[in-house]
């Protein structure tokens, strides 16, 4: 313990890992302490009983003072084992440790078992509302089962901080525990200030909550990972797609169950039935990953990895969305996906004939569908055949009040 305190006072460790359980045949409460560098390599490891309050006070104080190197805190607990041997002395030691952690103002990464801020009032707890590192915290990971009351604590905390990453339920599947659906839903909906979200769960209500978060205009999500299964995976995909359509920030989407009909995703990326539908589609999503044929999506899957059959329309839209100029993305989606089949010509019949050649110039490609689109336009608006050649766009024509460049700008503004 003394050596660990000296390392903390010398600003050596980047992270400290604390695991609470019992030992010695179940007679004493103890903590396994690991001091680590940024790459999780250990400076030292030791086990300390929760019996010397002065020693734990000194460790807590050293943690509070180290605002130079210490950036990561992991708190884990086998709470059932701990409860078998806990006493007033061990609780006081935990209390001293937690108060020291709360006073550190520079922690960036906190991983904690939910048992360690229980709502029952029976254990010493880390008080999220009193921590001094709210402004520095970048990553928050919570594991274990979450109760209704705990969900209020977490959601209130989430609404008042901005995070690079939030992960919920890391150990749920391995530990065989069930998550309260309403509690997890409440936490998900509070994640509007999170950039990267990882959720583990298995219910339709969580898909609905994720869709609602995606559709929230205040959402800052750029990456969403959901590791859960549904009896009806297609229903989950459709629900997610409903929120995705109006999202303007998400770039990466990974779902454990990404099977069945993917048309809802394609429609969210390009509502090709109308120009307005394309405008209102998602133009930011760039990567999708999922599973096919029972192959699981593993935590840490490389960005951009796609292990399911990608419909060509989805692949094309994802590629188009990488363009930072979203007006150009919209124009290209209109050109590629609106002018096909029996598209609605009525919006163009109301335009000035002089600008319609610019519309024709945006119909890309030389396949039968694009040729058919041009034919339908000419057949429906025969006046186009008599438009003066001065309206035909030429390279470099971008000046003058009557120039084709201005005509193109008018039609682009309308779209």
Foldseek 3Di string as FASTA:
>chain_A
DVVLLVCLLVLHAQEKEWEWFADDVLAFIKIWIFGAHPVRHTPDIDMGTLADQVVLLSVLQSLLPNQDRYAEYEYHYPVVRRVSHDDPSSQSSVLSNLVSQQNRQAHAEYEYELVQQDPPPPGRHNQLVRRNNQANHAEYEYADEADQVNLVSQLVSQLPGAYAEYEYHPCCVVVVHAYDLVSVLSNLLSNQRYAEYEYEHEDLSNLLSLLVSLQDQSRNYQEYAYEYDYPDLVSSLLNNLNSQLQGAHHAEYEYARDDDDNVSNLQQLAVQQDLVSRVSHYLAHQAYAYEDPPDGDDPPDDTRDHHDDDPPSNNVSSVLSVDPPVLVSSLLSCLPRNQFDPHDCVVVVPDDLLLVLLVLVSNDDDDPGSVVSVVVNCVVCVCNVVHDPQSHDDPPQCDDPPTNVVSNVVVSVVD
